[in-house]
Amino acid sequence: ASCDAICALLPDAASAKALGTTQRSEVVRAAAKGLESKDPETLFKLAKVILRVTKGGANLLAVSKLLFRLSKTQANDALLLREGLCEAVLEALGTARLESVLGHISRESDTVELELDAAQFLAGVLKNASADSEPSRAALVAAGGVKLLA
């Protein structure tokens, strides 16, 4: 039930963007508590919330690895699609992520590897989800994935 409550608070990307830093941290902390679940649907829902609210770093890498692991199971393809993860992953990989990575590189930040690793795992999620699923490929194209990843 706490998963649904968290998801209801952030129904879309715009609601997540309206949060302040402290609120974002609280949401990530609350969502992370549910990541011990074995239920893929719960994990996808919470991962989507974390993708929407986290700015990057270790939280982004952890959720990217989780999504990558879940995306390797073909049985999860329909669930990934139904929960809107293709769009959320594309949003996380968008131009803001590129700008973040470039900023970390220019500052010689210690987190640049975390950012790059997260981006690789997220790209892998899209690859895995679309490999054997025509609906996932169609969702990826409709969400602008080809343009972003080209």
Protein backbone atom coordinates (compact mmCIF):
# COMPACT_ATOMS: atom_id res chain seq x y z
CA ALA A 1 0.00 0.00 0.00
CA SER A 2 2.87 2.40 0.73
CA CYS A 3 4.07 1.88 -2.85
CA ASP A 4 0.70 3.00 -4.20
CA ALA A 5 0.65 5.96 -1.80
CA ILE A 6 4.07 7.10 -3.00
CA CYS A 7 3.09 6.66 -6.64
CA ALA A 8 -0.16 8.58 -6.10
CA LEU A 9 1.80 11.55 -4.76
CA LEU A 10 3.85 11.72 -7.97
CA PRO A 11 1.52 10.84 -10.84
CA ASP A 12 3.74 12.44 -13.48
CA ALA A 13 7.15 13.95 -14.13
CA ALA A 14 5.88 17.51 -13.57
CA SER A 15 4.85 16.71 -9.99
CA ALA A 16 8.33 15.35 -9.29
CA LYS A 17 10.00 18.44 -10.74
CA ALA A 18 8.01 20.64 -8.35
CA LEU A 19 9.64 19.02 -5.31
CA GLY A 20 12.43 20.70 -3.38
CA THR A 21 15.68 18.93 -2.52
CA THR A 22 14.55 17.86 0.96
CA GLN A 23 11.26 16.53 -0.40
CA ARG A 24 13.08 14.62 -3.14
CA SER A 25 15.35 13.01 -0.56
CA GLU A 26 12.36 11.99 1.56
CA VAL A 27 10.58 10.46 -1.43
CA VAL A 28 13.69 8.52 -2.48
CA ARG A 29 14.17 7.27 1.08
CA ALA A 30 10.52 6.16 1.31
CA ALA A 31 10.61 4.47 -2.10
CA ALA A 32 13.94 2.77 -1.39
CA LYS A 33 12.39 1.00 1.61
CA GLY A 34 10.15 -0.92 -0.79
CA LEU A 35 12.96 -2.03 -3.08
CA GLU A 36 13.46 -5.18 -1.04
CA SER A 37 10.22 -6.49 -2.52
CA LYS A 38 10.34 -9.54 -4.79
CA ASP A 39 7.30 -8.32 -6.76
CA PRO A 40 8.39 -6.92 -10.15
CA GLU A 41 5.32 -4.66 -10.38
CA THR A 42 6.12 -3.02 -7.04
CA LEU A 43 9.77 -2.68 -8.02
CA PHE A 44 8.90 -1.07 -11.38
CA LYS A 45 6.53 1.41 -9.72
CA LEU A 46 9.06 2.44 -7.08
CA ALA A 47 11.90 2.58 -9.60
CA LYS A 48 9.83 4.93 -11.75
CA VAL A 49 9.32 7.24 -8.78
CA ILE A 50 13.03 7.20 -7.97
CA LEU A 51 13.92 7.88 -11.61
CA ARG A 52 11.61 10.89 -11.58
CA VAL A 53 12.88 12.46 -8.36
CA THR A 54 16.57 11.62 -8.13
CA LYS A 55 19.10 14.02 -9.55
CA GLY A 56 21.73 11.34 -10.09
CA GLY A 57 24.61 9.76 -8.24
CA ALA A 58 24.35 6.55 -6.22
CA ASN A 59 20.53 6.55 -6.12
CA LEU A 60 20.29 6.74 -9.89
CA LEU A 61 22.91 4.03 -10.34
CA ALA A 62 21.18 1.69 -7.88
CA VAL A 63 17.77 2.04 -9.53
CA SER A 64 19.36 1.74 -13.00
CA LYS A 65 20.97 -1.57 -12.00
CA LEU A 66 17.67 -2.80 -10.59
CA LEU A 67 15.79 -1.92 -13.77
CA PHE A 68 18.50 -3.50 -15.90
CA ARG A 69 18.25 -6.74 -13.90
CA LEU A 70 14.45 -6.77 -14.18
CA SER A 71 14.57 -5.96 -17.91
CA LYS A 72 16.64 -9.08 -18.61
CA THR A 73 13.57 -11.22 -17.85
CA GLN A 74 11.34 -11.27 -20.92
CA ALA A 75 8.31 -12.00 -18.73
CA ASN A 76 8.69 -8.46 -17.33
CA ASP A 77 8.44 -6.74 -20.74
CA ALA A 78 4.67 -6.19 -20.62
CA LEU A 79 4.87 -4.95 -17.04
CA LEU A 80 7.70 -2.56 -17.88
CA LEU A 81 5.55 -1.19 -20.70
CA ARG A 82 2.35 -0.97 -18.63
CA GLU A 83 4.12 0.93 -15.84
CA GLY A 84 5.50 3.49 -18.32
CA LEU A 85 9.15 2.67 -17.67
CA CYS A 86 10.26 3.24 -21.28
CA GLU A 87 9.19 6.87 -21.02
CA ALA A 88 10.67 7.28 -17.53
CA VAL A 89 14.00 5.79 -18.62
CA LEU A 90 14.08 8.01 -21.71
CA GLU A 91 13.38 11.03 -19.53
CA ALA A 92 16.21 10.01 -17.19
CA LEU A 93 18.53 9.63 -20.18
CA GLY A 94 17.49 12.92 -21.77
CA THR A 95 19.48 16.06 -22.38
CA ALA A 96 19.50 16.94 -18.67
CA ARG A 97 21.45 13.73 -17.97
CA LEU A 98 23.93 14.57 -20.71
CA GLU A 99 24.37 18.06 -19.29
CA SER A 100 24.85 16.55 -15.82
CA VAL A 101 27.52 14.15 -17.06
CA LEU A 102 29.32 16.92 -18.94
CA GLY A 103 29.18 19.12 -15.84
CA HIS A 104 30.71 16.35 -13.72
CA ILE A 105 33.45 15.85 -16.32
CA SER A 106 34.27 19.57 -16.47
CA ARG A 107 34.50 19.74 -12.66
CA GLU A 108 36.47 16.48 -12.54
CA SER A 109 33.82 15.26 -10.11
CA ASP A 110 34.12 11.91 -8.37
CA THR A 111 30.56 11.05 -9.41
CA VAL A 112 31.15 11.11 -13.16
CA GLU A 113 31.62 7.32 -13.19
CA LEU A 114 28.33 6.84 -11.33
CA GLU A 115 26.55 9.01 -13.90
CA LEU A 116 28.10 7.20 -16.86
CA ASP A 117 27.41 3.75 -15.38
CA ALA A 118 23.79 4.70 -14.68
CA ALA A 119 23.36 5.92 -18.27
CA GLN A 120 24.77 2.63 -19.59
CA PHE A 121 22.44 0.56 -17.43
CA LEU A 122 19.45 2.68 -18.47
CA ALA A 123 20.34 2.29 -22.15
CA GLY A 124 20.58 -1.45 -21.48
CA VAL A 125 17.06 -1.42 -20.01
CA LEU A 126 15.72 0.01 -23.27
CA LYS A 127 17.71 -2.48 -25.32
CA ASN A 128 16.50 -5.44 -23.26
CA ALA A 129 12.90 -4.29 -23.18
CA SER A 130 12.73 -3.74 -26.92
CA ALA A 131 14.72 -6.79 -28.02
CA ASP A 132 11.85 -9.28 -27.99
CA SER A 133 8.80 -7.07 -27.66
CA GLU A 134 7.15 -5.29 -30.56
CA PRO A 135 4.91 -3.27 -28.19
CA SER A 136 8.00 -2.09 -26.29
CA ARG A 137 9.72 -1.11 -29.53
CA ALA A 138 6.62 0.82 -30.59
CA ALA A 139 6.46 2.58 -27.19
CA LEU A 140 10.14 3.45 -27.42
CA VAL A 141 9.68 4.99 -30.88
CA ALA A 142 6.49 6.83 -29.82
CA ALA A 143 8.27 8.29 -26.78
CA GLY A 144 11.09 9.69 -28.93
CA GLY A 145 13.65 7.01 -28.05
CA VAL A 146 15.11 6.73 -31.53
CA LYS A 147 15.76 10.46 -31.69
CA LEU A 148 17.31 10.53 -28.19
CA LEU A 149 19.51 7.50 -28.69
CA ALA A 150 20.52 8.28 -32.28
